[in-house]
Protein backbone atom coordinates (compact mmCIF):
# COMPACT_ATOMS: atom_id res chain seq x y z
CA UNK A 1 0.00 0.00 0.00
CA UNK A 2 2.09 2.89 -1.29
CA UNK A 3 1.28 6.38 -2.48
CA UNK A 4 3.00 9.62 -3.34
CA UNK A 5 2.61 11.68 -0.11
CA UNK A 6 1.40 14.84 -1.87
CA UNK A 7 -0.89 13.06 -4.33
CA UNK A 8 -4.35 14.60 -4.24
CA UNK A 9 -7.18 12.94 -2.36
CA UNK A 10 -9.71 15.49 -3.63
CA UNK A 11 -10.94 13.39 -6.57
CA UNK A 12 -11.25 14.13 -10.27
CA UNK A 13 -11.59 17.76 -11.28
CA UNK A 14 -14.89 16.95 -13.00
CA UNK A 15 -16.39 15.42 -9.86
CA UNK A 16 -15.16 18.23 -7.63
CA UNK A 17 -16.53 20.88 -10.01
CA UNK A 18 -19.94 19.19 -10.00
CA UNK A 19 -19.98 19.10 -6.19
CA UNK A 20 -19.07 22.76 -5.88
CA UNK A 21 -21.64 23.83 -8.50
CA UNK A 22 -24.29 21.77 -6.68
CA UNK A 23 -23.46 23.50 -3.40
CA UNK A 24 -23.67 26.90 -5.08
CA UNK A 25 -27.21 26.02 -6.20
CA UNK A 26 -28.01 24.83 -2.66
CA UNK A 27 -27.03 28.27 -1.33
CA UNK A 28 -29.52 29.85 -3.72
CA UNK A 29 -32.25 27.42 -2.64
CA UNK A 30 -31.48 28.07 1.02
CA UNK A 31 -31.58 31.85 0.55
CA UNK A 32 -34.97 31.61 -1.17
CA UNK A 33 -36.47 29.24 1.39
CA UNK A 34 -36.61 26.20 -0.89
CA UNK A 35 -34.46 24.07 1.42
CA UNK A 36 -34.67 23.90 5.21
CA UNK A 37 -31.91 25.19 7.45
CA UNK A 38 -31.40 21.70 8.94
CA UNK A 39 -30.87 20.08 5.54
CA UNK A 40 -28.61 22.87 4.34
CA UNK A 41 -26.60 22.79 7.60
CA UNK A 42 -25.68 19.14 7.07
CA UNK A 43 -24.62 19.79 3.48
CA UNK A 44 -22.48 22.83 4.21
CA UNK A 45 -20.74 21.17 7.15
CA UNK A 46 -19.90 18.16 4.99
CA UNK A 47 -18.22 20.59 2.59
CA UNK A 48 -16.17 22.31 5.29
CA UNK A 49 -18.35 25.42 5.78
CA UNK A 50 -18.65 26.12 9.51
CA UNK A 51 -20.83 28.73 11.18
CA UNK A 52 -19.39 31.53 13.30
CA UNK A 53 -20.90 33.46 16.18
CA UNK A 54 -20.84 36.56 13.98
CA UNK A 55 -23.84 36.83 11.68
CA UNK A 56 -23.37 36.41 7.96
CA UNK A 57 -19.85 34.96 7.95
CA UNK A 58 -18.39 31.47 8.01
CA UNK A 59 -15.17 29.61 8.65
CA UNK A 60 -13.80 27.40 5.87
CA UNK A 61 -11.71 24.40 6.93
CA UNK A 62 -9.60 22.35 4.56
CA UNK A 63 -8.98 18.64 4.62
CA UNK A 64 -5.21 18.31 4.49
CA UNK A 65 -4.30 14.67 5.15
CA UNK A 66 -1.30 14.28 7.44
CA UNK A 67 -0.76 18.04 7.17
CA UNK A 68 1.11 17.52 3.89
CA UNK A 69 1.01 19.93 0.97
CA UNK A 70 3.02 20.88 -2.05
CA UNK A 71 4.10 24.34 -3.17
CA UNK A 72 1.04 24.79 -5.42
CA UNK A 73 -1.29 23.99 -2.52
CA UNK A 74 0.58 26.34 -0.19
CA UNK A 75 0.16 29.13 -2.73
CA UNK A 76 -3.56 28.34 -3.01
CA UNK A 77 -3.99 28.63 0.76
CA UNK A 78 -2.15 31.96 0.69
CA UNK A 79 -4.49 33.12 -2.10
CA UNK A 80 -7.70 32.20 -0.23
CA UNK A 81 -6.41 33.74 2.99
CA UNK A 82 -5.61 37.00 1.23
CA UNK A 83 -8.74 37.07 -0.94
CA UNK A 84 -11.36 35.88 1.54
CA UNK A 85 -9.81 36.05 5.01
CA UNK A 86 -8.10 39.43 5.37
CA UNK A 87 -4.73 37.76 4.99
CA UNK A 88 -5.15 35.50 8.03
CA UNK A 89 -5.20 31.69 8.11
CA UNK A 90 -5.26 29.42 11.15
CA UNK A 91 -3.32 26.19 11.57
CA UNK A 92 -5.42 23.66 13.47
CA UNK A 93 -4.39 21.10 16.07
CA UNK A 94 -5.30 18.31 13.63
CA UNK A 95 -3.08 19.38 10.74
CA UNK A 96 -5.61 21.44 8.76
CA UNK A 97 -5.77 25.06 7.63
CA UNK A 98 -8.89 27.18 8.13
CA UNK A 99 -9.89 30.71 7.17
CA UNK A 100 -12.51 32.83 8.97
CA UNK A 101 -15.01 35.61 8.17
CA UNK A 102 -16.10 34.40 4.73
CA UNK A 103 -19.53 35.28 3.35
CA UNK A 104 -21.64 32.24 2.51
CA UNK A 105 -21.90 33.26 -1.15
CA UNK A 106 -18.08 33.32 -1.38
CA UNK A 107 -17.60 29.77 -0.16
CA UNK A 108 -17.92 28.06 -3.59
CA UNK A 109 -15.21 30.35 -4.99
CA UNK A 110 -13.01 29.49 -2.00
CA UNK A 111 -13.46 25.79 -2.82
CA UNK A 112 -12.65 26.36 -6.49
CA UNK A 113 -9.31 28.02 -5.68
CA UNK A 114 -8.28 25.04 -3.57
CA UNK A 115 -9.64 22.55 -6.12
CA UNK A 116 -7.39 23.95 -8.83
CA UNK A 117 -4.46 23.07 -6.55
CA UNK A 118 -5.84 19.59 -5.84
CA UNK A 119 -6.88 20.50 -2.29
CA UNK A 120 -10.35 20.12 -0.76
CA UNK A 121 -12.64 21.21 2.06
CA UNK A 122 -14.90 18.16 1.74
CA UNK A 123 -15.60 16.32 5.01
CA UNK A 124 -13.48 18.72 7.05
CA UNK A 125 -16.48 19.47 9.31
CA UNK A 126 -19.67 17.73 10.35
CA UNK A 127 -20.51 14.17 11.41
CA UNK A 128 -18.05 12.54 9.04
CA UNK A 129 -14.58 11.02 9.15
CA UNK A 130 -12.42 14.07 9.77
CA UNK A 131 -8.88 14.74 8.59
CA UNK A 132 -6.61 11.70 8.87
CA UNK A 133 -3.59 12.77 10.91
CA UNK A 134 -0.16 11.29 11.48
CA UNK A 135 2.97 11.97 13.49
CA UNK A 136 4.83 14.80 11.77
CA UNK A 137 8.16 13.01 12.29
CA UNK A 138 7.09 9.74 10.68
CA UNK A 139 9.80 8.64 8.30
CA UNK A 140 12.62 10.42 10.12
CA UNK A 141 12.12 9.36 13.77
CA UNK A 142 15.01 7.23 15.05
CA UNK A 143 13.85 3.79 16.14
CA UNK A 144 10.44 3.93 14.44
CA UNK A 145 8.94 0.69 13.15
CA UNK A 146 8.30 2.13 9.66
CA UNK A 147 7.07 5.28 7.93
CA UNK A 148 3.24 5.48 8.05
CA UNK A 149 2.91 8.32 5.52
CA UNK A 150 1.82 6.12 2.63
CA UNK A 151 -0.66 4.24 4.80
CA UNK A 152 -2.18 7.50 6.07
CA UNK A 153 -2.63 8.93 2.59
CA UNK A 154 -4.15 5.69 1.31
CA UNK A 155 -6.54 5.66 4.27
CA UNK A 156 -7.55 9.29 3.68
CA UNK A 157 -8.18 8.60 0.00
CA UNK A 158 -10.19 5.45 0.78
CA UNK A 159 -12.44 7.23 3.29
CA UNK A 160 -13.18 10.47 1.40
CA UNK A 161 -16.72 10.17 -0.04
CA UNK A 162 -17.03 6.65 1.36
CA UNK A 163 -20.80 6.04 1.58
CA UNK A 164 -20.57 4.68 5.13
CA UNK A 165 -18.97 7.90 6.40
CA UNK A 166 -21.29 10.61 5.09
CA UNK A 167 -23.72 10.89 8.00
CA UNK A 168 -22.30 9.41 11.19
CA UNK A 169 -23.72 9.84 14.67
CA UNK A 170 -20.80 12.09 15.51
CA UNK A 171 -17.52 13.27 14.04
CA UNK A 172 -14.86 10.54 13.79
CA UNK A 173 -11.11 11.12 14.14
CA UNK A 174 -8.16 8.93 13.10
CA UNK A 175 -4.42 9.21 13.64
CA UNK A 176 -1.34 7.16 12.80
CA UNK A 177 2.10 7.04 14.42
CA UNK A 178 5.34 5.32 13.49
CA UNK A 179 6.41 4.62 17.09
CA UNK A 180 5.08 4.53 20.66
CA UNK A 181 7.14 7.61 21.57
CA UNK A 182 4.65 9.65 23.61
CA UNK A 183 5.97 12.92 22.20
CA UNK A 184 4.53 12.02 18.80
CA UNK A 185 1.90 9.35 19.40
CA UNK A 186 -1.67 10.59 19.99
CA UNK A 187 -3.47 7.27 19.54
CA UNK A 188 -5.05 7.31 23.00
CA UNK A 189 -7.17 10.41 22.28
CA UNK A 190 -8.58 9.37 18.90
CA UNK A 191 -11.56 7.33 17.77
CA UNK A 192 -9.05 5.17 15.92
CA UNK A 193 -5.36 5.37 16.76
CA UNK A 194 -2.88 3.07 15.03
CA UNK A 195 0.81 2.65 15.73
CA UNK A 196 3.30 0.96 13.43
CA UNK A 197 4.76 -2.27 14.81
CA UNK A 198 6.90 -5.13 13.52
CA UNK A 199 6.13 -8.76 14.36
CA UNK A 200 8.45 -11.50 13.15
CA UNK A 201 9.62 -9.18 10.41
CA UNK A 202 6.08 -8.38 9.21
CA UNK A 203 4.67 -4.86 9.26
CA UNK A 204 1.39 -4.11 10.97
CA UNK A 205 -0.41 -1.87 13.45
CA UNK A 206 -1.18 -1.73 17.14
CA UNK A 207 -4.84 -0.68 16.96
CA UNK A 208 -6.79 1.39 19.52
CA UNK A 209 -10.42 2.54 19.39
CA UNK A 210 -12.72 4.83 21.35
CA UNK A 211 -10.51 7.67 22.52
CA UNK A 212 -11.49 11.32 22.76
CA UNK A 213 -11.13 14.63 24.58
CA UNK A 214 -14.77 15.75 24.46
CA UNK A 215 -17.25 16.36 27.25
CA UNK A 216 -16.65 12.78 28.45
CA UNK A 217 -12.93 12.19 27.78
CA UNK A 218 -11.94 8.56 27.36
CA UNK A 219 -8.67 6.75 26.71
CA UNK A 220 -8.74 4.60 23.58
CA UNK A 221 -8.69 0.87 24.25
CA UNK A 222 -6.56 -1.72 22.46
CA UNK A 223 -8.56 -3.89 20.07
CA UNK A 224 -5.65 -5.47 18.17
CA UNK A 225 -2.05 -5.85 19.33
CA UNK A 226 -1.10 -6.58 15.74
CA UNK A 227 -3.20 -5.88 12.64
CA UNK A 228 -1.38 -6.80 9.39
CA UNK A 229 -0.80 -3.69 7.28
CA UNK A 230 -2.79 -5.09 4.34
CA UNK A 231 -5.91 -5.17 6.56
CA UNK A 232 -5.79 -1.50 7.55
CA UNK A 233 -8.41 -0.25 5.07
């Protein structure tokens, strides 16, 4: 299971363009009362459009798997921050970038700028599988089992638009780590947290489930001591 780290997960340009155009039409229907606020809320959250406490403006969050981007994507984020966000962008704790104070009608154009750079806002908010994260030192950490970058990107690509993940009971968060070093391993606070391990020369994952830091914080529990790497997806 290998992948180029910066390869896009966004999908084909044709599919992405259709999704953005559909959302633009949904904004018009919402503004004219042809779609309920509850239905529109679910759609906009799934596309990374988050409400703010200030009336009339929204926050746009990207989905940036493992926090990786190329130069073209970095330039696109600079463009949207300057054009739509008064030159300010926020780095999130889960390896995303978000921009605030964007008018609802501007959000499709925001998405189009990122789409041209093979970046996306889809499933960055809402009751979906959120951004797949990984230890930022994976691949260069002394003593690690193996680099999990390719596995993380493959997992992110597999889950984006997956029909089982479009309307979950709650948001769902996943992280990967290449070692048990507590400075870089956040498996215990994620819904799924996997850590690279070697067993008799074979590569696999120590697999935890059920962690979180919400209103009822809970440490993730071990479900597999060793899951073969080919079974990750």
